[in-house]
C-alpha atoms as a PDB file:
ATOM      1  CA  UNK A   1      49.718 105.003 116.086  1.00  0.00           C
ATOM      2  CA  UNK A   2      51.450 107.558 117.683  1.00  0.00           C
ATOM      3  CA  UNK A   3      50.313 110.877 115.454  1.00  0.00           C
ATOM      4  CA  UNK A   4      47.010 109.780 115.570  1.00  0.00           C
ATOM      5  CA  UNK A   5      46.248 108.316 112.449  1.00  0.00           C
ATOM      6  CA  UNK A   6      47.740 111.391 110.274  1.00  0.00           C
ATOM      7  CA  UNK A   7      48.279 110.233 106.425  1.00  0.00           C
ATOM      8  CA  UNK A   8      50.328 111.766 104.079  1.00  0.00           C
ATOM      9  CA  UNK A   9      50.233 113.685 101.513  1.00  0.00           C
ATOM     10  CA  UNK A  10      48.154 110.453  99.489  1.00  0.00           C
ATOM     11  CA  UNK A  11      45.405 110.297 102.124  1.00  0.00           C
ATOM     12  CA  UNK A  12      46.241 106.633 102.773  1.00  0.00           C
ATOM     13  CA  UNK A  13      45.517 104.786 106.394  1.00  0.00           C
ATOM     14  CA  UNK A  14      47.616 102.394 108.116  1.00  0.00           C
ATOM     15  CA  UNK A  15      45.045 100.464 108.331  1.00  0.00           C
ATOM     16  CA  UNK A  16      44.826 100.287 104.408  1.00  0.00           C
ATOM     17  CA  UNK A  17      48.189  99.265 104.306  1.00  0.00           C
ATOM     18  CA  UNK A  18      48.215  95.181 104.360  1.00  0.00           C
ATOM     19  CA  UNK A  19      45.536  95.387 101.440  1.00  0.00           C
ATOM     20  CA  UNK A  20      47.719  97.828  99.456  1.00  0.00           C
ATOM     21  CA  UNK A  21      50.652  96.005  99.681  1.00  0.00           C
ATOM     22  CA  UNK A  22      48.999  92.679  98.704  1.00  0.00           C
ATOM     23  CA  UNK A  23      47.808  94.235  96.111  1.00  0.00           C
ATOM     24  CA  UNK A  24      50.358  96.547  94.609  1.00  0.00           C
ATOM     25  CA  UNK A  25      54.253  94.604  96.194  1.00  0.00           C
ATOM     26  CA  UNK A  26      55.172  93.684  93.046  1.00  0.00           C
ATOM     27  CA  UNK A  27      55.042  96.726  91.763  1.00  0.00           C
ATOM     28  CA  UNK A  28      56.758  98.457  94.531  1.00  0.00           C
ATOM     29  CA  UNK A  29      59.277  95.755  94.158  1.00  0.00           C
ATOM     30  CA  UNK A  30      59.582  96.121  90.710  1.00  0.00           C
ATOM     31  CA  UNK A  31      60.001  99.833  90.906  1.00  0.00           C
ATOM     32  CA  UNK A  32      62.800  99.763  93.491  1.00  0.00           C
ATOM     33  CA  UNK A  33      64.946  96.840  91.782  1.00  0.00           C
ATOM     34  CA  UNK A  34      64.706  99.220  88.436  1.00  0.00           C
ATOM     35  CA  UNK A  35      65.565 101.970  90.314  1.00  0.00           C
ATOM     36  CA  UNK A  36      62.181 103.747  89.624  1.00  0.00           C
ATOM     37  CA  UNK A  37      60.683 104.138  92.872  1.00  0.00           C
ATOM     38  CA  UNK A  38      60.016 108.189  93.842  1.00  0.00           C
ATOM     39  CA  UNK A  39      59.469 108.476  97.517  1.00  0.00           C
ATOM     40  CA  UNK A  40      55.676 110.319  97.501  1.00  0.00           C
ATOM     41  CA  UNK A  41      55.617 114.428  98.371  1.00  0.00           C
ATOM     42  CA  UNK A  42      55.771 114.776 101.975  1.00  0.00           C
ATOM     43  CA  UNK A  43      52.697 116.562 104.079  1.00  0.00           C
ATOM     44  CA  UNK A  44      54.041 119.535 106.248  1.00  0.00           C
ATOM     45  CA  UNK A  45      51.951 119.964 109.240  1.00  0.00           C
ATOM     46  CA  UNK A  46      52.447 122.575 111.867  1.00  0.00           C
ATOM     47  CA  UNK A  47      52.902 121.242 115.850  1.00  0.00           C
ATOM     48  CA  UNK A  48      52.268 124.031 118.472  1.00  0.00           C
ATOM     49  CA  UNK A  49      55.947 123.530 120.767  1.00  0.00           C
ATOM     50  CA  UNK A  50      54.975 123.908 124.992  1.00  0.00           C
ATOM     51  CA  UNK A  51      56.974 127.139 124.631  1.00  0.00           C
ATOM     52  CA  UNK A  52      54.117 128.927 122.176  1.00  0.00           C
ATOM     53  CA  UNK A  53      56.169 128.051 118.982  1.00  0.00           C
ATOM     54  CA  UNK A  54      55.442 125.857 116.537  1.00  0.00           C
ATOM     55  CA  UNK A  55      57.500 123.096 114.981  1.00  0.00           C
ATOM     56  CA  UNK A  56      56.693 121.614 111.083  1.00  0.00           C
ATOM     57  CA  UNK A  57      56.521 118.218 111.195  1.00  0.00           C
ATOM     58  CA  UNK A  58      56.503 116.202 107.523  1.00  0.00           C
ATOM     59  CA  UNK A  59      54.447 113.234 107.360  1.00  0.00           C
ATOM     60  CA  UNK A  60      55.400 110.550 104.286  1.00  0.00           C
ATOM     61  CA  UNK A  61      52.964 108.523 103.151  1.00  0.00           C
ATOM     62  CA  UNK A  62      52.301 105.411 104.614  1.00  0.00           C
ATOM     63  CA  UNK A  63      54.293 103.409 101.902  1.00  0.00           C
ATOM     64  CA  UNK A  64      57.587 104.949 102.236  1.00  0.00           C
ATOM     65  CA  UNK A  65      56.843 104.759 106.220  1.00  0.00           C
ATOM     66  CA  UNK A  66      56.384 101.470 105.818  1.00  0.00           C
ATOM     67  CA  UNK A  67      59.929 101.120 102.478  1.00  0.00           C
ATOM     68  CA  UNK A  68      61.687 103.149 105.603  1.00  0.00           C
ATOM     69  CA  UNK A  69      61.602 101.035 108.317  1.00  0.00           C
ATOM     70  CA  UNK A  70      62.325  98.203 106.231  1.00  0.00           C
ATOM     71  CA  UNK A  71      65.609  99.686 105.252  1.00  0.00           C
ATOM     72  CA  UNK A  72      66.160 100.660 108.962  1.00  0.00           C
ATOM     73  CA  UNK A  73      65.382  97.433 110.455  1.00  0.00           C
ATOM     74  CA  UNK A  74      68.487  95.919 107.734  1.00  0.00           C
ATOM     75  CA  UNK A  75      70.614  98.715 108.532  1.00  0.00           C
ATOM     76  CA  UNK A  76      70.226  98.509 112.055  1.00  0.00           C
ATOM     77  CA  UNK A  77      70.906  94.690 112.272  1.00  0.00           C
ATOM     78  CA  UNK A  78      74.217  95.359 110.490  1.00  0.00           C
ATOM     79  CA  UNK A  79      74.961  98.427 112.534  1.00  0.00           C
ATOM     80  CA  UNK A  80      73.899  97.511 116.301  1.00  0.00           C
ATOM     81  CA  UNK A  81      77.128  95.922 117.029  1.00  0.00           C
ATOM     82  CA  UNK A  82      79.295  99.221 116.764  1.00  0.00           C
ATOM     83  CA  UNK A  83      77.193 101.246 119.039  1.00  0.00           C
ATOM     84  CA  UNK A  84      78.661 101.807 122.400  1.00  0.00           C
ATOM     85  CA  UNK A  85      76.363 100.213 125.188  1.00  0.00           C
ATOM     86  CA  UNK A  86      76.022 103.496 126.752  1.00  0.00           C
ATOM     87  CA  UNK A  87      74.091 105.056 123.029  1.00  0.00           C
ATOM     88  CA  UNK A  88      70.649 105.244 123.690  1.00  0.00           C
ATOM     89  CA  UNK A  89      69.249 107.342 121.132  1.00  0.00           C
ATOM     90  CA  UNK A  90      67.074 105.403 118.149  1.00  0.00           C
ATOM     91  CA  UNK A  91      68.090 102.538 119.505  1.00  0.00           C
ATOM     92  CA  UNK A  92      66.011  99.116 119.642  1.00  0.00           C
ATOM     93  CA  UNK A  93      65.162  98.604 123.045  1.00  0.00           C
ATOM     94  CA  UNK A  94      66.700 100.996 124.911  1.00  0.00           C
ATOM     95  CA  UNK A  95      64.975 104.581 125.399  1.00  0.00           C
ATOM     96  CA  UNK A  96      64.744 107.972 127.056  1.00  0.00           C
ATOM     97  CA  UNK A  97      64.050 106.941 130.209  1.00  0.00           C
ATOM     98  CA  UNK A  98      66.757 104.010 130.187  1.00  0.00           C
ATOM     99  CA  UNK A  99      68.831 106.877 129.472  1.00  0.00           C
ATOM    100  CA  UNK A 100      68.142 108.788 132.323  1.00  0.00           C
ATOM    101  CA  UNK A 101      68.671 106.121 134.863  1.00  0.00           C
ATOM    102  CA  UNK A 102      71.779 105.237 133.758  1.00  0.00           C
ATOM    103  CA  UNK A 103      73.013 108.923 133.886  1.00  0.00           C
ATOM    104  CA  UNK A 104      72.078 109.007 137.419  1.00  0.00           C
ATOM    105  CA  UNK A 105      73.454 105.763 138.291  1.00  0.00           C
ATOM    106  CA  UNK A 106      76.468 107.923 137.405  1.00  0.00           C
ATOM    107  CA  UNK A 107      75.850 110.560 139.214  1.00  0.00           C
ATOM    108  CA  UNK A 108      75.427 108.678 142.429  1.00  0.00           C
ATOM    109  CA  UNK A 109      78.653 106.427 141.920  1.00  0.00           C
ATOM    110  CA  UNK A 110      80.746 110.263 141.840  1.00  0.00           C
ATOM    111  CA  UNK A 111      80.508 111.894 138.538  1.00  0.00           C
ATOM    112  CA  UNK A 112      79.813 115.331 137.235  1.00  0.00           C
ATOM    113  CA  UNK A 113      79.505 115.019 134.084  1.00  0.00           C
ATOM    114  CA  UNK A 114      77.193 113.985 131.472  1.00  0.00           C
ATOM    115  CA  UNK A 115      77.219 114.082 127.999  1.00  0.00           C
ATOM    116  CA  UNK A 116      74.504 114.677 125.265  1.00  0.00           C
ATOM    117  CA  UNK A 117      75.386 115.042 122.005  1.00  0.00           C
ATOM    118  CA  UNK A 118      72.866 115.577 119.493  1.00  0.00           C
ATOM    119  CA  UNK A 119      74.108 115.456 115.348  1.00  0.00           C
ATOM    120  CA  UNK A 120      72.284 117.472 112.654  1.00  0.00           C
END
């Protein structure tokens, strides 16, 4: 739990998720199928940055994180084939360290330009 267990606005901890799903799974599924499901409010938390500034982090409820991850995994399976091998952002089995090592390899091969694009 990278966020040190920070709860969303509902106060539910990740450790409580399995039990909650066992009890309310059909209700959640019915709400999604009937298009009545509404994501919970996002809890805003201030995080200090290394430069002294502050960044606001939005923490969804555990249920919403579970649903978001489910959708993400399904979409990733579909779209993963369209990504270039050189794309490292938010990809399964790819990370920042691999991108840096690949860039270093390009530099060692004589290339002089590395491009980093962040879409907003």
